[in-house]
Amino acid sequence: MGFNCGIVGLPNVGKSTLFNALTSTAAAQAANYPFCTIEPNVGRVAVPDARLDKLAVLGKSAKIIPTQLEFVDIAGLVRGASKGEGLGNQFLGNIREVDAVVQVLRCFDGEVTHVENSVDPIRDAETVETELMLSDMESLEKRYDAAVKRAKGGDKELKAQIDVMEPALKALRAGKPARTVIAALSAEQRPQFKQLQLLTGKPVLYVCNVDESAAATGNAYSKKVEAHAKAEGAVSVVISAAIEAEVAQLTDEAEKAEFLSSLGLSETGLTRVIRAGYALLDLITFFTVGPKEARAWTVRHGARAPEAAGVIHTDFERGFIRSETIAYDDFIAHNGEAGARDAGKLRSEGKDYVVQDGDVLHFRFNV
C-alpha cells in the first residue's frame, strides 16, 4: 500500500518537469506551451528511508525493497474547466481518482509563457480551487436532491448520507472547499464523506516551484503561498523542479549530496514532498527483515496488525494469528532480531495491536 498523488496546476507551472524529475523519466513531455500533457502519466518512485538500509545490514538481507509512492501527472487546468473549457471534464475526472492533490504553483519569473500572462501563485491556487468547487457543487446538488426525494420513505442509510452531504454543500455554496467540514464529522461519517469523491474533499499539498537561487530559502512568492496554506490548514513545500531534474540525472549518491550541498540543500525536493505527503495522508512505515530481503511497507496511521498483514498479502490478514514485533530502535540497539529477542524486546501482538511507525514485524498466519 502506497499512496497516489495527482500533480495538478495551471499550464506551464512546472508540473511535467517536476513529474519527470520525481520519476527520473521523460515519460511526460515538458514543453513551453499549454496542454503538452494530454493523458495522465503515472510514475512510481521509491520512498527514501535511511532506516531500511540499517535494517538490511543487521538482517544480512540480500535485497533492499523500499515502499513506493505513485505520482499522476494530470493535464493543466484553465478557467472554465468545470464548464468543459480546455480539457475540463477529463482533467476533473482524473483528479477524482487520486488520494491527494499536489498543486504546483509557479513561484518564479522568467520567459516561460504563463497562461494568465503574469506570475501570481495565490491567484493560480484560487483559480484551480474555484473550478474544483464549482464541479463539486454541481455534482453534489444533483445527488443531494435525488437523495432527499428517496429518503422520504424512511431509508436510514440515505438519511445518514444526507447528513454528510448537507454540511459539504453548505461549505461549497459559501465558497469553501468541502474538506473544511471534515473536522466536524464523526468517525462514522468520515468514510461516507470519502465515498462522495469530492474533488475539494481531498487533502492538498502546495508545491512552490521556485528558480534555483531560491531553492534553499524560498522567495516572496513562496512566502505568500506558505501564509495561504497555513490559513486554510494546508501544507506547502518549496522545490525547484529545475534542480530536481539535474539531481535525477546523477546516479552517484556522494555526487548528489555534493551537488545539493553546493546549493545550500541537505535533501532533495522529492524527500520533502514525500515527508509532507505522508503527513498529509497520515501514513506510517513498517518493515519486514530477513536474509532474502529487507522491505518497507506503508499503512495508514492507526492501522491494526491484521490490516498491516493484509498490505503484504490478503491471506496474511484473513488467517492472521499474531505479529512478532520489534520496535525499530530496539532492533538497532540490540543488533538485530536475535539480540532483540534475547533482550526481551520481541513482543507477540494480537489482532488489536496498533502498528507503530518503524515497527519490524513478522506475521504468523494460518489459511
Protein backbone atom coordinates (compact mmCIF):
# COMPACT_ATOMS: atom_id res chain seq x y z
CA MET A 1 0.00 0.00 0.00
CA GLY A 2 1.45 3.31 -1.09
CA PHE A 3 -0.40 6.48 -1.82
CA ASN A 4 -1.45 8.18 -5.01
CA CYS A 5 -0.89 11.90 -5.56
CA GLY A 6 -2.21 13.82 -8.54
CA ILE A 7 0.06 16.64 -9.71
CA VAL A 8 -2.21 19.50 -10.80
CA GLY A 9 -2.00 23.17 -11.62
CA LEU A 10 -2.36 25.67 -14.45
CA PRO A 11 -0.49 25.02 -17.71
CA ASN A 12 3.25 25.81 -17.71
CA VAL A 13 3.83 26.00 -13.96
CA GLY A 14 6.31 23.10 -13.98
CA LYS A 15 4.06 20.08 -13.37
CA SER A 16 5.57 17.83 -16.01
CA THR A 17 9.12 18.98 -15.26
CA LEU A 18 8.54 18.05 -11.63
CA PHE A 19 6.96 14.74 -12.61
CA ASN A 20 9.93 13.86 -14.83
CA ALA A 21 12.36 14.73 -12.06
CA LEU A 22 10.46 12.78 -9.41
CA THR A 23 10.21 9.64 -11.50
CA SER A 24 13.59 10.07 -13.24
CA THR A 25 11.91 9.52 -16.57
CA ALA A 26 10.95 11.55 -19.59
CA ALA A 27 7.52 9.93 -19.72
CA ALA A 28 5.76 13.28 -19.55
CA GLN A 29 6.74 15.75 -22.24
CA ALA A 30 7.76 19.07 -20.71
CA ALA A 31 7.47 21.88 -23.24
CA ASN A 32 6.86 25.60 -23.30
CA TYR A 33 3.22 25.51 -24.39
CA PRO A 34 -0.11 24.68 -22.72
CA PHE A 35 -1.56 21.16 -22.66
CA CYS A 36 1.66 19.33 -23.55
CA THR A 37 0.37 16.65 -21.15
CA ILE A 38 -2.71 15.16 -22.80
CA GLU A 39 -3.11 11.89 -20.89
CA PRO A 40 -2.30 11.45 -17.21
CA ASN A 41 1.15 9.93 -16.81
CA VAL A 42 1.72 7.63 -13.86
CA GLY A 43 5.10 7.09 -12.26
CA ARG A 44 6.20 5.22 -9.16
CA VAL A 45 9.20 6.28 -7.13
CA ALA A 46 10.97 4.65 -4.21
CA VAL A 47 10.42 6.33 -0.86
CA PRO A 48 13.85 7.12 0.62
CA ASP A 49 14.22 5.86 4.19
CA ALA A 50 17.64 5.60 5.85
CA ARG A 51 16.22 3.17 8.42
CA LEU A 52 15.75 0.49 5.76
CA ASP A 53 19.46 0.42 4.88
CA LYS A 54 20.42 -0.02 8.54
CA LEU A 55 17.93 -2.84 8.99
CA ALA A 56 19.24 -4.60 5.87
CA VAL A 57 22.80 -4.55 7.23
CA LEU A 58 21.77 -6.10 10.55
CA GLY A 59 19.46 -8.59 8.86
CA LYS A 60 22.15 -9.53 6.30
CA SER A 61 19.44 -9.09 3.67
CA ALA A 62 20.29 -9.90 0.04
CA LYS A 63 17.84 -7.30 -1.32
CA ILE A 64 16.50 -3.94 -0.20
CA ILE A 65 12.98 -3.06 -1.34
CA PRO A 66 11.65 0.37 -0.38
CA THR A 67 7.97 1.22 -0.34
CA GLN A 68 6.73 3.25 -3.29
CA LEU A 69 4.89 6.47 -3.94
CA GLU A 70 2.76 6.97 -7.04
CA PHE A 71 2.51 10.28 -8.86
CA VAL A 72 -0.02 11.06 -11.56
CA ASP A 73 0.79 13.97 -13.86
CA ILE A 74 -2.55 15.48 -14.88
CA ALA A 75 -3.12 17.89 -17.78
CA GLY A 76 -3.19 21.61 -16.95
CA LEU A 77 -6.42 23.29 -15.89
CA VAL A 78 -7.74 26.66 -17.14
CA ARG A 79 -10.59 28.93 -16.08
CA GLY A 80 -13.90 27.36 -17.07
CA ALA A 81 -12.74 23.76 -16.68
CA SER A 82 -15.87 22.99 -14.66
CA LYS A 83 -17.86 24.03 -17.77
CA GLY A 84 -15.72 21.98 -20.13
CA GLU A 85 -13.08 24.57 -21.09
CA GLY A 86 -9.64 23.27 -22.01
CA LEU A 87 -9.53 19.60 -21.11
CA GLY A 88 -12.23 20.26 -18.46
CA ASN A 89 -14.12 17.03 -17.82
CA GLN A 90 -11.09 14.83 -18.47
CA PHE A 91 -8.99 16.87 -16.04
CA LEU A 92 -11.65 16.74 -13.32
CA GLY A 93 -12.24 13.02 -13.81
CA ASN A 94 -8.54 12.26 -13.42
CA ILE A 95 -8.34 14.23 -10.15
CA ARG A 96 -11.33 12.35 -8.76
CA GLU A 97 -9.32 9.12 -8.77
CA VAL A 98 -6.30 10.25 -6.71
CA ASP A 99 -5.92 10.17 -2.90
CA ALA A 100 -4.35 13.60 -2.52
CA VAL A 101 -3.77 16.67 -4.66
CA VAL A 102 -0.28 18.10 -5.15
CA GLN A 103 -0.91 21.56 -6.56
CA VAL A 104 2.17 23.00 -8.27
CA LEU A 105 2.31 26.79 -8.22
CA ARG A 106 4.65 28.88 -10.32
CA CYS A 107 6.79 30.97 -7.99
CA PHE A 108 9.42 32.17 -10.44
CA ASP A 109 9.72 34.91 -13.03
CA GLY A 110 11.13 34.26 -16.48
CA GLU A 111 10.37 33.84 -20.15
CA VAL A 112 8.23 30.71 -19.88
CA THR A 113 4.73 31.62 -21.03
CA HIS A 114 2.10 31.83 -18.28
CA VAL A 115 -1.49 31.18 -19.29
CA GLU A 116 -2.57 34.33 -17.36
CA ASN A 117 0.39 36.37 -18.69
CA SER A 118 1.64 37.21 -15.18
CA VAL A 119 3.01 35.40 -12.12
CA ASP A 120 0.66 35.25 -9.11
CA PRO A 121 0.62 31.90 -7.26
CA ILE A 122 -2.29 32.83 -4.96
CA ARG A 123 -4.46 33.74 -7.94
CA ASP A 124 -3.46 30.48 -9.62
CA ALA A 125 -4.30 28.45 -6.49
CA GLU A 126 -7.68 30.13 -6.23
CA THR A 127 -8.38 29.53 -9.93
CA VAL A 128 -7.82 25.79 -9.52
CA GLU A 129 -9.76 25.65 -6.25
CA THR A 130 -12.71 27.58 -7.71
CA GLU A 131 -13.04 25.24 -10.68
CA LEU A 132 -12.93 22.22 -8.39
CA MET A 133 -15.52 23.72 -6.05
CA LEU A 134 -17.88 24.57 -8.94
CA SER A 135 -17.63 20.99 -10.21
CA ASP A 136 -18.23 19.59 -6.71
CA MET A 137 -21.22 21.84 -6.12
CA GLU A 138 -22.89 20.88 -9.39
CA SER A 139 -22.30 17.17 -8.75
CA LEU A 140 -23.36 17.26 -5.10
CA GLU A 141 -26.53 19.30 -5.66
CA LYS A 142 -27.82 16.67 -8.09
CA ARG A 143 -27.05 13.82 -5.71
CA TYR A 144 -28.45 15.68 -2.71
CA ASP A 145 -31.79 16.44 -4.38
CA ALA A 146 -32.13 12.80 -5.50
CA ALA A 147 -31.25 11.50 -2.03
CA VAL A 148 -33.78 13.80 -0.31
CA LYS A 149 -36.58 12.52 -2.54
CA ARG A 150 -35.67 8.89 -1.99
CA ALA A 151 -35.22 9.37 1.79
CA LYS A 152 -38.87 10.30 2.26
CA GLY A 153 -39.61 6.60 2.56
CA GLY A 154 -37.62 6.48 5.82
CA ASP A 155 -34.40 4.95 4.50
CA LYS A 156 -31.91 5.38 7.41
CA GLU A 157 -28.86 4.84 5.19
CA LEU A 158 -29.92 7.62 2.85
CA LYS A 159 -30.62 9.89 5.83
CA ALA A 160 -27.07 9.28 7.05
CA GLN A 161 -25.71 10.22 3.60
CA ILE A 162 -27.79 13.40 3.58
CA ASP A 163 -26.37 14.36 6.99
CA VAL A 164 -22.89 14.27 5.41
CA MET A 165 -23.90 15.96 2.16
CA GLU A 166 -25.59 18.94 3.83
CA PRO A 167 -22.54 20.50 5.55
CA ALA A 168 -20.37 19.84 2.49
CA LEU A 169 -22.90 21.54 0.22
CA LYS A 170 -23.24 24.46 2.63
CA ALA A 171 -19.45 24.97 2.63
CA LEU A 172 -19.25 24.84 -1.17
CA ARG A 173 -22.07 27.37 -1.55
CA ALA A 174 -20.16 29.65 0.83
CA GLY A 175 -17.08 29.40 -1.39
CA LYS A 176 -15.17 26.99 0.85
CA PRO A 177 -13.69 23.62 -0.18
CA ALA A 178 -15.52 20.53 1.06
CA ARG A 179 -12.55 19.37 3.15
CA THR A 180 -13.21 22.24 5.60
CA VAL A 181 -16.11 20.25 7.10
CA ILE A 182 -14.17 17.04 7.78
CA ALA A 183 -13.05 18.07 11.29
CA ALA A 184 -16.68 18.44 12.38
CA LEU A 185 -17.72 14.99 11.11
CA SER A 186 -17.94 11.97 13.39
CA ALA A 187 -15.71 8.93 12.94
CA GLU A 188 -18.70 7.09 11.41
CA GLN A 189 -19.40 9.91 8.94
CA ARG A 190 -15.88 10.28 7.57
CA PRO A 191 -15.93 7.10 5.44
CA GLN A 192 -19.25 8.28 3.98
CA PHE A 193 -17.71 11.66 3.19
CA LYS A 194 -14.84 9.95 1.38
CA GLN A 195 -17.33 7.95 -0.70
CA LEU A 196 -18.71 11.22 -2.07
CA GLN A 197 -15.41 11.52 -4.02
CA LEU A 198 -15.47 15.30 -3.90
CA LEU A 199 -12.57 16.99 -5.65
CA THR A 200 -12.18 19.56 -2.86
CA GLY A 201 -12.60 16.87 -0.22
CA LYS A 202 -9.07 15.63 -0.87
CA PRO A 203 -6.08 16.83 1.16
CA VAL A 204 -3.90 19.37 -0.66
CA LEU A 205 -0.15 19.93 -0.70
CA TYR A 206 1.04 23.15 -2.34
CA VAL A 207 4.38 22.81 -4.11
CA CYS A 208 6.06 26.16 -4.75
CA ASN A 209 8.20 25.79 -7.87
CA VAL A 210 10.98 28.37 -7.49
CA ASP A 211 14.12 29.09 -9.51
CA GLU A 212 17.47 27.63 -8.46
CA SER A 213 18.56 30.71 -6.49
CA ALA A 214 15.55 30.43 -4.15
CA ALA A 215 15.57 26.65 -3.63
CA ALA A 216 17.06 26.82 -0.13
CA THR A 217 15.25 29.85 1.26
CA GLY A 218 12.15 30.37 -0.87
CA ASN A 219 11.15 33.80 -2.20
CA ALA A 220 8.41 36.42 -1.87
CA TYR A 221 6.03 34.28 -3.97
CA SER A 222 6.55 31.14 -1.87
CA LYS A 223 6.15 33.11 1.38
CA LYS A 224 2.69 34.20 0.21
CA VAL A 225 1.79 30.58 -0.58
CA GLU A 226 3.02 29.46 2.84
CA ALA A 227 0.74 32.01 4.52
CA HIS A 228 -2.16 30.99 2.26
CA ALA A 229 -1.63 27.31 3.11
CA LYS A 230 -1.47 27.96 6.87
CA ALA A 231 -4.68 29.99 6.72
CA GLU A 232 -6.58 27.01 5.32
CA GLY A 233 -4.81 24.32 7.34
CA ALA A 234 -2.84 23.02 4.36
CA VAL A 235 0.90 22.46 3.85
CA SER A 236 3.37 23.98 1.40
CA VAL A 237 6.79 22.82 0.22
CA VAL A 238 9.42 24.81 -1.67
CA ILE A 239 11.06 22.94 -4.51
CA SER A 240 12.99 23.78 -7.67
CA ALA A 241 11.87 21.47 -10.45
CA ALA A 242 14.93 22.52 -12.45
CA ILE A 243 17.27 21.37 -9.66
CA GLU A 244 15.32 18.13 -9.22
CA ALA A 245 15.73 17.45 -12.94
CA GLU A 246 19.51 17.82 -12.57
CA VAL A 247 19.67 15.67 -9.44
CA ALA A 248 17.67 12.94 -11.22
CA GLN A 249 20.50 12.59 -13.74
CA LEU A 250 23.09 11.86 -11.04
CA THR A 251 23.50 8.19 -10.10
CA ASP A 252 26.28 8.52 -7.50
CA GLU A 253 24.89 9.33 -4.04
CA ALA A 254 28.03 11.20 -2.95
CA GLU A 255 27.84 13.32 -6.10
CA LYS A 256 24.18 14.08 -5.40
CA ALA A 257 24.98 15.13 -1.83
CA GLU A 258 27.84 17.37 -3.01
CA PHE A 259 25.63 18.98 -5.67
CA LEU A 260 22.81 19.65 -3.17
CA SER A 261 25.27 20.99 -0.60
CA SER A 262 26.65 23.47 -3.14
CA LEU A 263 23.13 24.87 -3.40
CA GLY A 264 22.61 25.05 0.36
CA LEU A 265 20.32 21.99 0.39
CA SER A 266 20.57 18.95 2.66
CA GLU A 267 17.99 16.80 0.85
CA THR A 268 16.14 16.55 -2.44
CA GLY A 269 12.76 18.08 -3.10
CA LEU A 270 11.42 14.54 -3.56
CA THR A 271 12.22 13.77 0.07
CA ARG A 272 10.41 16.90 1.22
CA VAL A 273 7.37 16.14 -0.94
CA ILE A 274 7.21 12.56 0.38
CA ARG A 275 7.54 13.67 4.01
CA ALA A 276 4.77 16.23 3.55
CA GLY A 277 2.67 13.67 1.65
CA TYR A 278 2.97 11.12 4.44
CA ALA A 279 1.86 13.69 6.99
CA LEU A 280 -0.95 14.81 4.69
CA LEU A 281 -2.37 11.29 4.34
CA ASP A 282 -1.48 10.23 7.89
CA LEU A 283 0.64 7.27 6.81
CA ILE A 284 3.39 5.32 8.57
CA THR A 285 6.04 2.80 7.52
CA PHE A 286 6.66 -0.67 8.95
CA PHE A 287 9.37 -3.14 7.94
CA THR A 288 9.94 -6.83 7.32
CA VAL A 289 13.53 -8.05 7.59
CA GLY A 290 15.09 -11.39 6.64
CA PRO A 291 18.04 -12.92 4.76
CA LYS A 292 16.22 -12.69 1.42
CA GLU A 293 15.13 -9.06 1.71
CA ALA A 294 14.59 -6.04 3.91
CA ARG A 295 11.40 -4.33 2.85
CA ALA A 296 9.43 -1.21 3.76
CA TRP A 297 5.63 -1.11 3.68
CA THR A 298 3.15 1.74 4.02
CA VAL A 299 -0.02 1.61 6.09
CA ARG A 300 -2.40 4.23 7.46
CA HIS A 301 -1.73 5.60 10.92
CA GLY A 302 -3.89 3.76 13.45
CA ALA A 303 -3.98 0.51 11.47
CA ARG A 304 -4.11 -2.69 13.50
CA ALA A 305 -1.79 -5.64 12.93
CA PRO A 306 -4.14 -7.69 10.66
CA GLU A 307 -4.57 -4.70 8.32
CA ALA A 308 -0.79 -4.29 8.10
CA ALA A 309 -0.51 -8.03 7.35
CA GLY A 310 -3.04 -7.56 4.56
CA VAL A 311 -0.80 -4.97 2.91
CA ILE A 312 1.68 -7.79 2.29
CA HIS A 313 -0.92 -10.38 1.22
CA THR A 314 -4.67 -10.73 1.74
CA ASP A 315 -4.13 -14.29 3.04
CA PHE A 316 -1.99 -12.87 5.87
CA GLU A 317 -4.91 -10.74 7.05
CA ARG A 318 -7.52 -13.46 6.56
CA GLY A 319 -5.56 -16.06 8.55
CA PHE A 320 -3.84 -13.69 10.99
CA ILE A 321 -2.73 -15.33 14.24
CA ARG A 322 -0.22 -12.90 15.74
CA SER A 323 2.54 -10.44 14.93
CA GLU A 324 6.06 -10.83 16.27
CA THR A 325 7.00 -7.20 16.81
CA ILE A 326 10.25 -5.33 17.48
CA ALA A 327 10.42 -1.53 17.64
CA TYR A 328 12.96 -0.07 15.19
CA ASP A 329 15.12 1.46 17.95
CA ASP A 330 15.25 -1.87 19.80
CA PHE A 331 16.15 -3.76 16.61
CA ILE A 332 19.09 -1.38 16.02
CA ALA A 333 20.19 -1.15 19.67
CA HIS A 334 20.39 -4.95 20.03
CA ASN A 335 21.98 -5.65 16.63
CA GLY A 336 19.06 -7.39 15.00
CA GLU A 337 16.30 -9.86 15.71
CA ALA A 338 18.30 -12.37 17.75
CA GLY A 339 19.71 -9.70 20.07
CA ALA A 340 16.31 -8.05 20.49
CA ARG A 341 14.74 -11.42 21.28
CA ASP A 342 17.42 -12.20 23.91
CA ALA A 343 16.88 -8.78 25.46
CA GLY A 344 13.14 -9.41 25.74
CA LYS A 345 12.31 -6.75 23.17
CA LEU A 346 10.42 -9.07 20.80
CA ARG A 347 6.71 -8.91 21.59
CA SER A 348 3.89 -11.18 20.46
CA GLU A 349 0.98 -8.91 19.50
CA GLY A 350 -2.57 -9.91 18.66
CA LYS A 351 -5.36 -8.58 16.44
CA ASP A 352 -5.90 -5.39 18.45
CA TYR A 353 -2.29 -4.18 18.26
CA VAL A 354 -1.96 -0.75 16.61
CA VAL A 355 1.11 -0.73 14.38
CA GLN A 356 3.70 1.96 15.17
CA ASP A 357 5.94 3.76 12.68
CA GLY A 358 9.21 1.85 12.31
CA ASP A 359 7.95 -1.47 13.69
CA VAL A 360 9.78 -4.55 12.41
CA LEU A 361 7.07 -7.18 12.01
CA HIS A 362 6.90 -10.91 11.33
CA PHE A 363 3.39 -12.22 10.83
CA ARG A 364 2.15 -15.66 11.84
CA PHE A 365 -0.93 -16.79 9.95
CA ASN A 366 -2.90 -19.90 9.04
CA VAL A 367 -5.10 -20.20 5.93
